[in-house]
Amino acid sequence: MRKAKARRSKKYYDYLLSDKWAQIKIDLYDSRGRACEVCASVRQLQVHHLTYANVYKEEPEDLI
């Protein structure tokens, strides 16, 4: 069980470092603006999953 979880964690970590995830973030910033949707800060922006149901095949509405 632990090894399976470790493999999933590594896969997810690698995904967050991938060109695909980088492009998803760029597209999201371009469509929604470069400011936090919660507090409007423009510093240290991050994209977060609202749900992990579609991880690796996210739709824009799955992310904030």
Protein backbone atom coordinates (compact mmCIF):
# COMPACT_ATOMS: atom_id res chain seq x y z
CA MET A 1 0.00 0.00 0.00
CA ARG A 2 2.77 2.46 0.90
CA LYS A 3 4.65 1.83 -2.34
CA ALA A 4 1.51 2.43 -4.39
CA LYS A 5 0.90 5.72 -2.58
CA ALA A 6 4.53 6.74 -3.08
CA ARG A 7 4.23 6.00 -6.82
CA ARG A 8 1.05 8.09 -7.02
CA SER A 9 2.72 10.92 -5.11
CA LYS A 10 5.76 10.85 -7.41
CA LYS A 11 3.55 10.76 -10.48
CA TYR A 12 1.58 13.77 -9.20
CA TYR A 13 4.75 15.67 -8.25
CA ASP A 14 6.24 14.98 -11.68
CA TYR A 15 2.98 16.16 -13.27
CA LEU A 16 3.16 19.47 -11.37
CA LEU A 17 6.65 19.97 -12.81
CA SER A 18 5.63 19.03 -16.35
CA ASP A 19 5.32 21.23 -19.42
CA LYS A 20 1.65 20.25 -19.60
CA TRP A 21 0.93 21.68 -16.12
CA ALA A 22 2.97 24.80 -16.91
CA GLN A 23 0.82 25.38 -20.00
CA ILE A 24 -2.39 24.81 -18.01
CA LYS A 25 -1.28 27.50 -15.56
CA ILE A 26 -0.38 29.94 -18.36
CA ASP A 27 -3.73 29.37 -20.05
CA LEU A 28 -5.56 29.87 -16.75
CA TYR A 29 -3.68 33.08 -15.96
CA ASP A 30 -4.36 34.36 -19.48
CA SER A 31 -8.09 33.67 -19.26
CA ARG A 32 -8.69 34.74 -15.65
CA GLY A 33 -5.98 37.30 -15.10
CA ARG A 34 -2.82 37.27 -13.05
CA ALA A 35 -4.33 37.86 -9.63
CA CYS A 36 -5.55 35.59 -6.85
CA GLU A 37 -9.25 34.83 -7.28
CA VAL A 38 -9.71 34.89 -3.50
CA CYS A 39 -7.75 37.92 -2.29
CA ALA A 40 -6.69 39.69 -5.53
CA SER A 41 -2.97 39.49 -4.65
CA VAL A 42 -0.62 39.45 -7.61
CA ARG A 43 2.33 37.97 -5.69
CA GLN A 44 3.36 34.31 -5.44
CA LEU A 45 0.46 33.01 -7.53
CA GLN A 46 -0.36 29.33 -7.56
CA VAL A 47 -3.02 27.23 -9.22
CA HIS A 48 -4.91 24.79 -7.00
CA HIS A 49 -7.26 21.92 -7.68
CA LEU A 50 -10.81 22.36 -6.42
CA THR A 51 -11.30 18.64 -7.00
CA TYR A 52 -8.93 15.79 -7.77
CA ALA A 53 -11.59 13.80 -9.61
CA ASN A 54 -10.15 14.91 -12.96
CA VAL A 55 -6.49 15.18 -12.06
CA TYR A 56 -4.26 14.78 -15.14
CA LYS A 57 -7.23 15.80 -17.33
CA GLU A 58 -8.42 18.94 -15.56
CA GLU A 59 -11.02 21.29 -16.91
CA PRO A 60 -10.63 25.01 -16.12
CA GLU A 61 -13.55 24.80 -13.69
CA ASP A 62 -11.61 22.19 -11.68
CA LEU A 63 -8.94 24.78 -10.84
CA ILE A 64 -8.64 28.01 -8.92
